[in-house]
Amino acid sequence: MAAAAVFASIYGVITIVHTCQAIRYRAWYCVPIIIGASWETGGYAARAAASHFPDSITVYAVQSILIVLAPACKSSSRTQLLVCYHPTIRGFYTFKANLFRALP
């Protein structure tokens, strides 16, 4: 229970910091990171609550779903950032689009 509460507080702080930075720098591409961190926070908070309610299937289902789905959301944001900012991948997609436009 103590570890779940510690991780919930860590992810809560990370969520607040990412939210403040996204608003301040208008980095709206960070929204999936914020959603993923929020889900991690909720999942670990539910895990801490599950130690008090061991027979509750609802609490177990919530913590399992949130902890499993959060990395997928954060992974999609990393892929989005990679495609947007990495010149090799950006050049590949531009080349592919130009190749199809050049065909008669």
PDB file of N, CA and C in Angstrom:
ATOM      1  N   MET A   1       0.810  -1.183   0.000  1.00  0.00           N
ATOM      2  CA  MET A   1       0.000   0.000   0.000  1.00  0.00           C
ATOM      3  C   MET A   1       0.860   1.257   0.000  1.00  0.00           C
ATOM      4  N   ALA A   2       1.954   1.221   0.744  1.00  0.00           N
ATOM      5  CA  ALA A   2       2.813   2.396   0.819  1.00  0.00           C
ATOM      6  C   ALA A   2       3.449   2.702  -0.532  1.00  0.00           C
ATOM      7  N   ALA A   3       3.871   1.660  -1.243  1.00  0.00           N
ATOM      8  CA  ALA A   3       4.486   1.878  -2.557  1.00  0.00           C
ATOM      9  C   ALA A   3       3.474   2.434  -3.544  1.00  0.00           C
ATOM     10  N   ALA A   4       2.246   1.958  -3.518  1.00  0.00           N
ATOM     11  CA  ALA A   4       1.220   2.459  -4.425  1.00  0.00           C
ATOM     12  C   ALA A   4       0.927   3.930  -4.140  1.00  0.00           C
ATOM     13  N   ALA A   5       0.892   4.308  -2.874  1.00  0.00           N
ATOM     14  CA  ALA A   5       0.650   5.709  -2.521  1.00  0.00           C
ATOM     15  C   ALA A   5       1.823   6.595  -2.954  1.00  0.00           C
ATOM     16  N   VAL A   6       3.036   6.086  -2.811  1.00  0.00           N
ATOM     17  CA  VAL A   6       4.211   6.853  -3.241  1.00  0.00           C
ATOM     18  C   VAL A   6       4.199   7.055  -4.746  1.00  0.00           C
ATOM     19  N   PHE A   7       3.920   5.979  -5.503  1.00  0.00           N
ATOM     20  CA  PHE A   7       3.890   6.112  -6.956  1.00  0.00           C
ATOM     21  C   PHE A   7       2.727   6.977  -7.420  1.00  0.00           C
ATOM     22  N   ALA A   8       1.601   6.908  -6.736  1.00  0.00           N
ATOM     23  CA  ALA A   8       0.471   7.774  -7.087  1.00  0.00           C
ATOM     24  C   ALA A   8       0.839   9.239  -6.887  1.00  0.00           C
ATOM     25  N   SER A   9       1.535   9.540  -5.803  1.00  0.00           N
ATOM     26  CA  SER A   9       1.937  10.932  -5.569  1.00  0.00           C
ATOM     27  C   SER A   9       3.001  11.379  -6.564  1.00  0.00           C
ATOM     28  N   ILE A  10       3.931  10.490  -6.916  1.00  0.00           N
ATOM     29  CA  ILE A  10       4.955  10.843  -7.913  1.00  0.00           C
ATOM     30  C   ILE A  10       4.307  11.130  -9.264  1.00  0.00           C
ATOM     31  N   TYR A  11       3.418  10.246  -9.704  1.00  0.00           N
ATOM     32  CA  TYR A  11       2.746  10.477 -10.979  1.00  0.00           C
ATOM     33  C   TYR A  11       1.813  11.672 -10.915  1.00  0.00           C
ATOM     34  N   GLY A  12       1.264  11.968  -9.752  1.00  0.00           N
ATOM     35  CA  GLY A  12       0.442  13.171  -9.607  1.00  0.00           C
ATOM     36  C   GLY A  12       1.265  14.438  -9.808  1.00  0.00           C
ATOM     37  N   VAL A  13       2.454  14.459  -9.217  1.00  0.00           N
ATOM     38  CA  VAL A  13       3.342  15.618  -9.392  1.00  0.00           C
ATOM     39  C   VAL A  13       3.778  15.733 -10.851  1.00  0.00           C
ATOM     40  N   ILE A  14       4.106  14.602 -11.476  1.00  0.00           N
ATOM     41  CA  ILE A  14       4.512  14.615 -12.885  1.00  0.00           C
ATOM     42  C   ILE A  14       3.375  15.130 -13.760  1.00  0.00           C
ATOM     43  N   THR A  15       2.161  14.725 -13.459  1.00  0.00           N
ATOM     44  CA  THR A  15       1.009  15.183 -14.226  1.00  0.00           C
ATOM     45  C   THR A  15       0.834  16.688 -14.104  1.00  0.00           C
ATOM     46  N   ILE A  16       0.967  17.206 -12.895  1.00  0.00           N
ATOM     47  CA  ILE A  16       0.821  18.648 -12.684  1.00  0.00           C
ATOM     48  C   ILE A  16       1.918  19.411 -13.411  1.00  0.00           C
ATOM     49  N   VAL A  17       3.154  18.923 -13.345  1.00  0.00           N
ATOM     50  CA  VAL A  17       4.267  19.597 -14.029  1.00  0.00           C
ATOM     51  C   VAL A  17       4.077  19.577 -15.544  1.00  0.00           C
ATOM     52  N   HIS A  18       3.690  18.430 -16.099  1.00  0.00           N
ATOM     53  CA  HIS A  18       3.471  18.356 -17.540  1.00  0.00           C
ATOM     54  C   HIS A  18       2.308  19.241 -17.975  1.00  0.00           C
ATOM     55  N   THR A  19       1.277  19.304 -17.180  1.00  0.00           N
ATOM     56  CA  THR A  19       0.138  20.154 -17.516  1.00  0.00           C
ATOM     57  C   THR A  19       0.537  21.617 -17.514  1.00  0.00           C
ATOM     58  N   CYS A  20       1.279  22.047 -16.505  1.00  0.00           N
ATOM     59  CA  CYS A  20       1.738  23.441 -16.453  1.00  0.00           C
ATOM     60  C   CYS A  20       2.655  23.767 -17.625  1.00  0.00           C
ATOM     61  N   GLN A  21       3.557  22.861 -17.963  1.00  0.00           N
ATOM     62  CA  GLN A  21       4.456  23.107 -19.090  1.00  0.00           C
ATOM     63  C   GLN A  21       3.706  23.125 -20.420  1.00  0.00           C
ATOM     64  N   ALA A  22       2.744  22.237 -20.581  1.00  0.00           N
ATOM     65  CA  ALA A  22       1.981  22.210 -21.837  1.00  0.00           C
ATOM     66  C   ALA A  22       1.173  23.488 -22.012  1.00  0.00           C
ATOM     67  N   ILE A  23       0.614  23.999 -20.929  1.00  0.00           N
ATOM     68  CA  ILE A  23      -0.155  25.244 -21.023  1.00  0.00           C
ATOM     69  C   ILE A  23       0.778  26.427 -21.245  1.00  0.00           C
ATOM     70  N   ARG A  24       1.884  26.459 -20.523  1.00  0.00           N
ATOM     71  CA  ARG A  24       2.798  27.601 -20.627  1.00  0.00           C
ATOM     72  C   ARG A  24       3.432  27.708 -22.012  1.00  0.00           C
ATOM     73  N   TYR A  25       3.884  26.582 -22.556  1.00  0.00           N
ATOM     74  CA  TYR A  25       4.567  26.599 -23.845  1.00  0.00           C
ATOM     75  C   TYR A  25       3.644  26.247 -25.008  1.00  0.00           C
ATOM     76  N   ARG A  26       2.358  26.099 -24.733  1.00  0.00           N
ATOM     77  CA  ARG A  26       1.356  25.746 -25.744  1.00  0.00           C
ATOM     78  C   ARG A  26       1.761  24.499 -26.519  1.00  0.00           C
ATOM     79  N   ALA A  27       2.216  23.522 -25.802  1.00  0.00           N
ATOM     80  CA  ALA A  27       2.665  22.258 -26.385  1.00  0.00           C
ATOM     81  C   ALA A  27       1.514  21.259 -26.317  1.00  0.00           C
ATOM     82  N   TRP A  28       0.567  21.404 -27.228  1.00  0.00           N
ATOM     83  CA  TRP A  28      -0.637  20.585 -27.174  1.00  0.00           C
ATOM     84  C   TRP A  28      -0.364  19.145 -27.593  1.00  0.00           C
ATOM     85  N   TYR A  29       0.788  18.896 -28.187  1.00  0.00           N
ATOM     86  CA  TYR A  29       1.138  17.515 -28.513  1.00  0.00           C
ATOM     87  C   TYR A  29       1.479  16.720 -27.262  1.00  0.00           C
ATOM     88  N   CYS A  30       1.593  17.376 -26.118  1.00  0.00           N
ATOM     89  CA  CYS A  30       1.861  16.681 -24.853  1.00  0.00           C
ATOM     90  C   CYS A  30       0.593  16.194 -24.165  1.00  0.00           C
ATOM     91  N   VAL A  31      -0.563  16.434 -24.758  1.00  0.00           N
ATOM     92  CA  VAL A  31      -1.822  16.019 -24.131  1.00  0.00           C
ATOM     93  C   VAL A  31      -1.867  14.507 -23.899  1.00  0.00           C
ATOM     94  N   PRO A  32      -1.426  13.637 -24.841  1.00  0.00           N
ATOM     95  CA  PRO A  32      -1.431  12.198 -24.525  1.00  0.00           C
ATOM     96  C   PRO A  32      -0.529  11.834 -23.349  1.00  0.00           C
ATOM     97  N   ILE A  33       0.565  12.560 -23.174  1.00  0.00           N
ATOM     98  CA  ILE A  33       1.434  12.313 -22.026  1.00  0.00           C
ATOM     99  C   ILE A  33       0.700  12.660 -20.735  1.00  0.00           C
ATOM    100  N   ILE A  34      -0.030  13.768 -20.752  1.00  0.00           N
ATOM    101  CA  ILE A  34      -0.786  14.194 -19.574  1.00  0.00           C
ATOM    102  C   ILE A  34      -1.895  13.194 -19.268  1.00  0.00           C
ATOM    103  N   ILE A  35      -2.586  12.727 -20.297  1.00  0.00           N
ATOM    104  CA  ILE A  35      -3.646  11.738 -20.094  1.00  0.00           C
ATOM    105  C   ILE A  35      -3.058  10.439 -19.532  1.00  0.00           C
ATOM    106  N   GLY A  36      -1.935   9.993 -20.099  1.00  0.00           N
ATOM    107  CA  GLY A  36      -1.288   8.777 -19.604  1.00  0.00           C
ATOM    108  C   GLY A  36      -0.829   8.909 -18.165  1.00  0.00           C
ATOM    109  N   ALA A  37      -0.262  10.055 -17.818  1.00  0.00           N
ATOM    110  CA  ALA A  37       0.174  10.261 -16.430  1.00  0.00           C
ATOM    111  C   ALA A  37      -1.022  10.336 -15.485  1.00  0.00           C
ATOM    112  N   SER A  38      -2.126  10.905 -15.964  1.00  0.00           N
ATOM    113  CA  SER A  38      -3.345  10.941 -15.139  1.00  0.00           C
ATOM    114  C   SER A  38      -3.871   9.530 -14.906  1.00  0.00           C
ATOM    115  N   TRP A  39      -3.841   8.717 -15.938  1.00  0.00           N
ATOM    116  CA  TRP A  39      -4.297   7.333 -15.791  1.00  0.00           C
ATOM    117  C   TRP A  39      -3.387   6.556 -14.844  1.00  0.00           C
ATOM    118  N   GLU A  40      -2.087   6.786 -14.930  1.00  0.00           N
ATOM    119  CA  GLU A  40      -1.160   6.128 -14.000  1.00  0.00           C
ATOM    120  C   GLU A  40      -1.451   6.562 -12.564  1.00  0.00           C
ATOM    121  N   THR A  41      -1.698   7.870 -12.382  1.00  0.00           N
ATOM    122  CA  THR A  41      -2.018   8.374 -11.044  1.00  0.00           C
ATOM    123  C   THR A  41      -3.276   7.712 -10.505  1.00  0.00           C
ATOM    124  N   GLY A  42      -4.320   7.670 -11.344  1.00  0.00           N
ATOM    125  CA  GLY A  42      -5.564   7.029 -10.919  1.00  0.00           C
ATOM    126  C   GLY A  42      -5.398   5.544 -10.659  1.00  0.00           C
ATOM    127  N   GLY A  43      -4.602   4.882 -11.479  1.00  0.00           N
ATOM    128  CA  GLY A  43      -4.381   3.450 -11.304  1.00  0.00           C
ATOM    129  C   GLY A  43      -3.657   3.128 -10.015  1.00  0.00           C
ATOM    130  N   TYR A  44      -2.617   3.902  -9.713  1.00  0.00           N
ATOM    131  CA  TYR A  44      -1.891   3.628  -8.468  1.00  0.00           C
ATOM    132  C   TYR A  44      -2.688   4.072  -7.249  1.00  0.00           C
ATOM    133  N   ALA A  45      -3.510   5.120  -7.382  1.00  0.00           N
ATOM    134  CA  ALA A  45      -4.391   5.507  -6.269  1.00  0.00           C
ATOM    135  C   ALA A  45      -5.426   4.411  -6.017  1.00  0.00           C
ATOM    136  N   ALA A  46      -5.958   3.836  -7.097  1.00  0.00           N
ATOM    137  CA  ALA A  46      -6.909   2.728  -6.940  1.00  0.00           C
ATOM    138  C   ALA A  46      -6.215   1.497  -6.355  1.00  0.00           C
ATOM    139  N   ARG A  47      -4.962   1.293  -6.702  1.00  0.00           N
ATOM    140  CA  ARG A  47      -4.221   0.166  -6.121  1.00  0.00           C
ATOM    141  C   ARG A  47      -4.018   0.377  -4.620  1.00  0.00           C
ATOM    142  N   ALA A  48      -3.750   1.626  -4.227  1.00  0.00           N
ATOM    143  CA  ALA A  48      -3.627   1.913  -2.795  1.00  0.00           C
ATOM    144  C   ALA A  48      -4.968   1.702  -2.096  1.00  0.00           C
ATOM    145  N   ALA A  49      -6.060   2.082  -2.758  1.00  0.00           N
ATOM    146  CA  ALA A  49      -7.395   1.871  -2.180  1.00  0.00           C
ATOM    147  C   ALA A  49      -7.743   0.390  -2.130  1.00  0.00           C
ATOM    148  N   ALA A  50      -7.230  -0.382  -3.080  1.00  0.00           N
ATOM    149  CA  ALA A  50      -7.533  -1.814  -3.122  1.00  0.00           C
ATOM    150  C   ALA A  50      -6.956  -2.552  -1.915  1.00  0.00           C
ATOM    151  N   SER A  51      -5.938  -1.985  -1.298  1.00  0.00           N
ATOM    152  CA  SER A  51      -5.401  -2.643  -0.104  1.00  0.00           C
ATOM    153  C   SER A  51      -6.374  -2.525   1.072  1.00  0.00           C
ATOM    154  N   HIS A  52      -7.215  -1.501   1.052  1.00  0.00           N
ATOM    155  CA  HIS A  52      -8.224  -1.349   2.099  1.00  0.00           C
ATOM    156  C   HIS A  52      -9.506  -2.125   1.793  1.00  0.00           C
ATOM    157  N   PHE A  53      -9.755  -2.362   0.495  1.00  0.00           N
ATOM    158  CA  PHE A  53     -10.958  -3.082   0.067  1.00  0.00           C
ATOM    159  C   PHE A  53     -10.552  -4.276  -0.792  1.00  0.00           C
ATOM    160  N   PRO A  54     -10.020  -5.330  -0.204  1.00  0.00           N
ATOM    161  CA  PRO A  54      -9.495  -6.447  -0.997  1.00  0.00           C
ATOM    162  C   PRO A  54     -10.570  -7.256  -1.724  1.00  0.00           C
ATOM    163  N   ASP A  55     -11.826  -7.149  -1.301  1.00  0.00           N
ATOM    164  CA  ASP A  55     -12.884  -7.925  -1.941  1.00  0.00           C
ATOM    165  C   ASP A  55     -13.623  -7.148  -3.026  1.00  0.00           C
ATOM    166  N   SER A  56     -13.255  -5.904  -3.260  1.00  0.00           N
ATOM    167  CA  SER A  56     -13.960  -5.078  -4.228  1.00  0.00           C
ATOM    168  C   SER A  56     -13.444  -5.344  -5.637  1.00  0.00           C
ATOM    169  N   ILE A  57     -14.292  -5.871  -6.465  1.00  0.00           N
ATOM    170  CA  ILE A  57     -13.912  -6.137  -7.856  1.00  0.00           C
ATOM    171  C   ILE A  57     -13.818  -4.843  -8.646  1.00  0.00           C
ATOM    172  N   THR A  58     -14.641  -3.860  -8.298  1.00  0.00           N
ATOM    173  CA  THR A  58     -14.634  -2.578  -9.005  1.00  0.00           C
ATOM    174  C   THR A  58     -13.287  -1.876  -8.860  1.00  0.00           C
ATOM    175  N   VAL A  59     -12.774  -1.805  -7.652  1.00  0.00           N
ATOM    176  CA  VAL A  59     -11.485  -1.147  -7.421  1.00  0.00           C
ATOM    177  C   VAL A  59     -10.375  -1.897  -8.145  1.00  0.00           C
ATOM    178  N   TYR A  60     -10.434  -3.218  -8.115  1.00  0.00           N
ATOM    179  CA  TYR A  60      -9.427  -4.015  -8.811  1.00  0.00           C
ATOM    180  C   TYR A  60      -9.495  -3.789 -10.320  1.00  0.00           C
ATOM    181  N   ALA A  61     -10.711  -3.746 -10.870  1.00  0.00           N
ATOM    182  CA  ALA A  61     -10.865  -3.542 -12.314  1.00  0.00           C
ATOM    183  C   ALA A  61     -10.373  -2.159 -12.725  1.00  0.00           C
ATOM    184  N   VAL A  62     -10.686  -1.145 -11.943  1.00  0.00           N
ATOM    185  CA  VAL A  62     -10.252   0.220 -12.261  1.00  0.00           C
ATOM    186  C   VAL A  62      -8.737   0.307 -12.255  1.00  0.00           C
ATOM    187  N   GLN A  63      -8.094  -0.206 -11.222  1.00  0.00           N
ATOM    188  CA  GLN A  63      -6.630  -0.089 -11.165  1.00  0.00           C
ATOM    189  C   GLN A  63      -5.964  -0.909 -12.254  1.00  0.00           C
ATOM    190  N   SER A  64      -6.518  -2.063 -12.577  1.00  0.00           N
ATOM    191  CA  SER A  64      -5.924  -2.879 -13.644  1.00  0.00           C
ATOM    192  C   SER A  64      -6.052  -2.204 -15.000  1.00  0.00           C
ATOM    193  N   ILE A  65      -7.228  -1.684 -15.301  1.00  0.00           N
ATOM    194  CA  ILE A  65      -7.456  -1.042 -16.598  1.00  0.00           C
ATOM    195  C   ILE A  65      -6.585   0.200 -16.749  1.00  0.00           C
ATOM    196  N   LEU A  66      -6.545   1.043 -15.729  1.00  0.00           N
ATOM    197  CA  LEU A  66      -5.779   2.288 -15.838  1.00  0.00           C
ATOM    198  C   LEU A  66      -4.279   2.028 -15.930  1.00  0.00           C
ATOM    199  N   ILE A  67      -3.774   1.091 -15.163  1.00  0.00           N
ATOM    200  CA  ILE A  67      -2.334   0.823 -15.182  1.00  0.00           C
ATOM    201  C   ILE A  67      -1.926   0.151 -16.494  1.00  0.00           C
ATOM    202  N   VAL A  68      -2.813  -0.644 -17.078  1.00  0.00           N
ATOM    203  CA  VAL A  68      -2.486  -1.308 -18.348  1.00  0.00           C
ATOM    204  C   VAL A  68      -2.602  -0.338 -19.532  1.00  0.00           C
ATOM    205  N   LEU A  69      -3.589   0.545 -19.527  1.00  0.00           N
ATOM    206  CA  LEU A  69      -3.814   1.432 -20.672  1.00  0.00           C
ATOM    207  C   LEU A  69      -2.911   2.664 -20.697  1.00  0.00           C
ATOM    208  N   ALA A  70      -2.418   3.100 -19.552  1.00  0.00           N
ATOM    209  CA  ALA A  70      -1.597   4.316 -19.497  1.00  0.00           C
ATOM    210  C   ALA A  70      -0.324   4.229 -20.328  1.00  0.00           C
ATOM    211  N   PRO A  71       0.446   3.141 -20.299  1.00  0.00           N
ATOM    212  CA  PRO A  71       1.649   3.100 -21.137  1.00  0.00           C
ATOM    213  C   PRO A  71       1.346   3.158 -22.633  1.00  0.00           C
ATOM    214  N   ALA A  72       0.212   2.637 -23.049  1.00  0.00           N
ATOM    215  CA  ALA A  72      -0.146   2.718 -24.471  1.00  0.00           C
ATOM    216  C   ALA A  72      -0.386   4.163 -24.885  1.00  0.00           C
ATOM    217  N   CYS A  73      -1.018   4.921 -24.026  1.00  0.00           N
ATOM    218  CA  CYS A  73      -1.266   6.337 -24.324  1.00  0.00           C
ATOM    219  C   CYS A  73       0.046   7.120 -24.357  1.00  0.00           C
ATOM    220  N   LYS A  74       0.928   6.854 -23.407  1.00  0.00           N
ATOM    221  CA  LYS A  74       2.213   7.550 -23.396  1.00  0.00           C
ATOM    222  C   LYS A  74       3.083   7.112 -24.570  1.00  0.00           C
ATOM    223  N   SER A  75       2.975   5.871 -24.988  1.00  0.00           N
ATOM    224  CA  SER A  75       3.730   5.389 -26.137  1.00  0.00           C
ATOM    225  C   SER A  75       3.267   6.067 -27.422  1.00  0.00           C
ATOM    226  N   SER A  76       1.989   6.280 -27.553  1.00  0.00           N
ATOM    227  CA  SER A  76       1.490   6.961 -28.753  1.00  0.00           C
ATOM    228  C   SER A  76       2.004   8.390 -28.819  1.00  0.00           C
ATOM    229  N   SER A  77       2.164   9.040 -27.677  1.00  0.00           N
ATOM    230  CA  SER A  77       2.691  10.405 -27.692  1.00  0.00           C
ATOM    231  C   SER A  77       4.162  10.416 -28.087  1.00  0.00           C
ATOM    232  N   ARG A  78       4.914   9.394 -27.677  1.00  0.00           N
ATOM    233  CA  ARG A  78       6.323   9.320 -28.095  1.00  0.00           C
ATOM    234  C   ARG A  78       6.430   9.118 -29.600  1.00  0.00           C
ATOM    235  N   THR A  79       5.572   8.279 -30.154  1.00  0.00           N
ATOM    236  CA  THR A  79       5.578   8.063 -31.597  1.00  0.00           C
ATOM    237  C   THR A  79       5.210   9.337 -32.326  1.00  0.00           C
ATOM    238  N   GLN A  80       4.234  10.063 -31.810  1.00  0.00           N
ATOM    239  CA  GLN A  80       3.823  11.320 -32.422  1.00  0.00           C
ATOM    240  C   GLN A  80       4.978  12.319 -32.402  1.00  0.00           C
ATOM    241  N   LEU A  81       5.673  12.423 -31.285  1.00  0.00           N
ATOM    242  CA  LEU A  81       6.807  13.343 -31.195  1.00  0.00           C
ATOM    243  C   LEU A  81       7.930  12.925 -32.133  1.00  0.00           C
ATOM    244  N   LEU A  82       8.168  11.636 -32.242  1.00  0.00           N
ATOM    245  CA  LEU A  82       9.227  11.152 -33.111  1.00  0.00           C
ATOM    246  C   LEU A  82       8.939  11.484 -34.570  1.00  0.00           C
ATOM    247  N   VAL A  83       7.718  11.263 -34.995  1.00  0.00           N
ATOM    248  CA  VAL A  83       7.357  11.540 -36.383  1.00  0.00           C
ATOM    249  C   VAL A  83       7.375  13.040 -36.659  1.00  0.00           C
ATOM    250  N   CYS A  84       6.960  13.835 -35.682  1.00  0.00           N
ATOM    251  CA  CYS A  84       6.906  15.280 -35.897  1.00  0.00           C
ATOM    252  C   CYS A  84       8.293  15.908 -35.940  1.00  0.00           C
ATOM    253  N   TYR A  85       9.215  15.440 -35.126  1.00  0.00           N
ATOM    254  CA  TYR A  85      10.463  16.162 -34.947  1.00  0.00           C
ATOM    255  C   TYR A  85      11.715  15.460 -35.444  1.00  0.00           C
ATOM    256  N   HIS A  86      11.653  14.211 -35.766  1.00  0.00           N
ATOM    257  CA  HIS A  86      12.855  13.540 -36.240  1.00  0.00           C
ATOM    258  C   HIS A  86      12.978  13.763 -37.744  1.00  0.00           C
ATOM    259  N   PRO A  87      14.074  14.357 -38.220  1.00  0.00           N
ATOM    260  CA  PRO A  87      14.170  14.726 -39.639  1.00  0.00           C
ATOM    261  C   PRO A  87      14.180  13.543 -40.596  1.00  0.00           C
ATOM    262  N   THR A  88      14.736  12.421 -40.185  1.00  0.00           N
ATOM    263  CA  THR A  88      14.781  11.272 -41.086  1.00  0.00           C
ATOM    264  C   THR A  88      13.383  10.749 -41.361  1.00  0.00           C
ATOM    265  N   ILE A  89      12.597  10.597 -40.329  1.00  0.00           N
ATOM    266  CA  ILE A  89      11.242  10.084 -40.507  1.00  0.00           C
ATOM    267  C   ILE A  89      10.385  11.119 -41.214  1.00  0.00           C
ATOM    268  N   ARG A  90      10.531  12.377 -40.860  1.00  0.00           N
ATOM    269  CA  ARG A  90       9.769  13.432 -41.518  1.00  0.00           C
ATOM    270  C   ARG A  90      10.122  13.480 -42.996  1.00  0.00           C
ATOM    271  N   GLY A  91      11.398  13.330 -43.323  1.00  0.00           N
ATOM    272  CA  GLY A  91      11.809  13.306 -44.719  1.00  0.00           C
ATOM    273  C   GLY A  91      11.276  12.092 -45.462  1.00  0.00           C
ATOM    274  N   PHE A  92      11.206  10.953 -44.784  1.00  0.00           N
ATOM    275  CA  PHE A  92      10.681   9.750 -45.413  1.00  0.00           C
ATOM    276  C   PHE A  92       9.221   9.924 -45.793  1.00  0.00           C
ATOM    277  N   TYR A  93       8.431  10.455 -44.875  1.00  0.00           N
ATOM    278  CA  TYR A  93       7.018  10.645 -45.176  1.00  0.00           C
ATOM    279  C   TYR A  93       6.818  11.716 -46.251  1.00  0.00           C
ATOM    280  N   THR A  94       7.636  12.742 -46.268  1.00  0.00           N
ATOM    281  CA  THR A  94       7.544  13.761 -47.310  1.00  0.00           C
ATOM    282  C   THR A  94       7.915  13.163 -48.656  1.00  0.00           C
ATOM    283  N   PHE A  95       8.980  12.352 -48.683  1.00  0.00           N
ATOM    284  CA  PHE A  95       9.395  11.721 -49.934  1.00  0.00           C
ATOM    285  C   PHE A  95       8.299  10.813 -50.469  1.00  0.00           C
ATOM    286  N   LYS A  96       7.690  10.057 -49.600  1.00  0.00           N
ATOM    287  CA  LYS A  96       6.645   9.132 -50.015  1.00  0.00           C
ATOM    288  C   LYS A  96       5.456   9.907 -50.593  1.00  0.00           C
ATOM    289  N   ALA A  97       5.085  11.008 -49.958  1.00  0.00           N
ATOM    290  CA  ALA A  97       3.971  11.804 -50.461  1.00  0.00           C
ATOM    291  C   ALA A  97       4.318  12.439 -51.807  1.00  0.00           C
ATOM    292  N   ASN A  98       5.544  12.931 -51.963  1.00  0.00           N
ATOM    293  CA  ASN A  98       5.956  13.546 -53.226  1.00  0.00           C
ATOM    294  C   ASN A  98       6.058  12.497 -54.339  1.00  0.00           C
ATOM    295  N   LEU A  99       6.459  11.291 -54.013  1.00  0.00           N
ATOM    296  CA  LEU A  99       6.579  10.228 -55.000  1.00  0.00           C
ATOM    297  C   LEU A  99       5.209   9.927 -55.619  1.00  0.00           C
ATOM    298  N   PHE A 100       4.191   9.867 -54.794  1.00  0.00           N
ATOM    299  CA  PHE A 100       2.870   9.568 -55.324  1.00  0.00           C
ATOM    300  C   PHE A 100       2.277  10.744 -56.096  1.00  0.00           C
ATOM    301  N   ARG A 101       2.636  11.959 -55.735  1.00  0.00           N
ATOM    302  CA  ARG A 101       2.146  13.126 -56.475  1.00  0.00           C
ATOM    303  C   ARG A 101       2.835  13.245 -57.829  1.00  0.00           C
ATOM    304  N   ALA A 102       4.071  12.766 -57.930  1.00  0.00           N
ATOM    305  CA  ALA A 102       4.827  12.921 -59.169  1.00  0.00           C
ATOM    306  C   ALA A 102       4.393  11.915 -60.230  1.00  0.00           C
ATOM    307  N   LEU A 103       3.715  10.863 -59.840  1.00  0.00           N
ATOM    308  CA  LEU A 103       3.268   9.874 -60.804  1.00  0.00           C
ATOM    309  C   LEU A 103       2.147  10.439 -61.668  1.00  0.00           C
ATOM    310  N   PRO A 104       2.133  10.111 -62.990  1.00  0.00           N
ATOM    311  CA  PRO A 104       1.085  10.662 -63.866  1.00  0.00           C
ATOM    312  C   PRO A 104      -0.264  10.034 -63.626  1.00  0.00           C
TER     313      PRO A 104
END
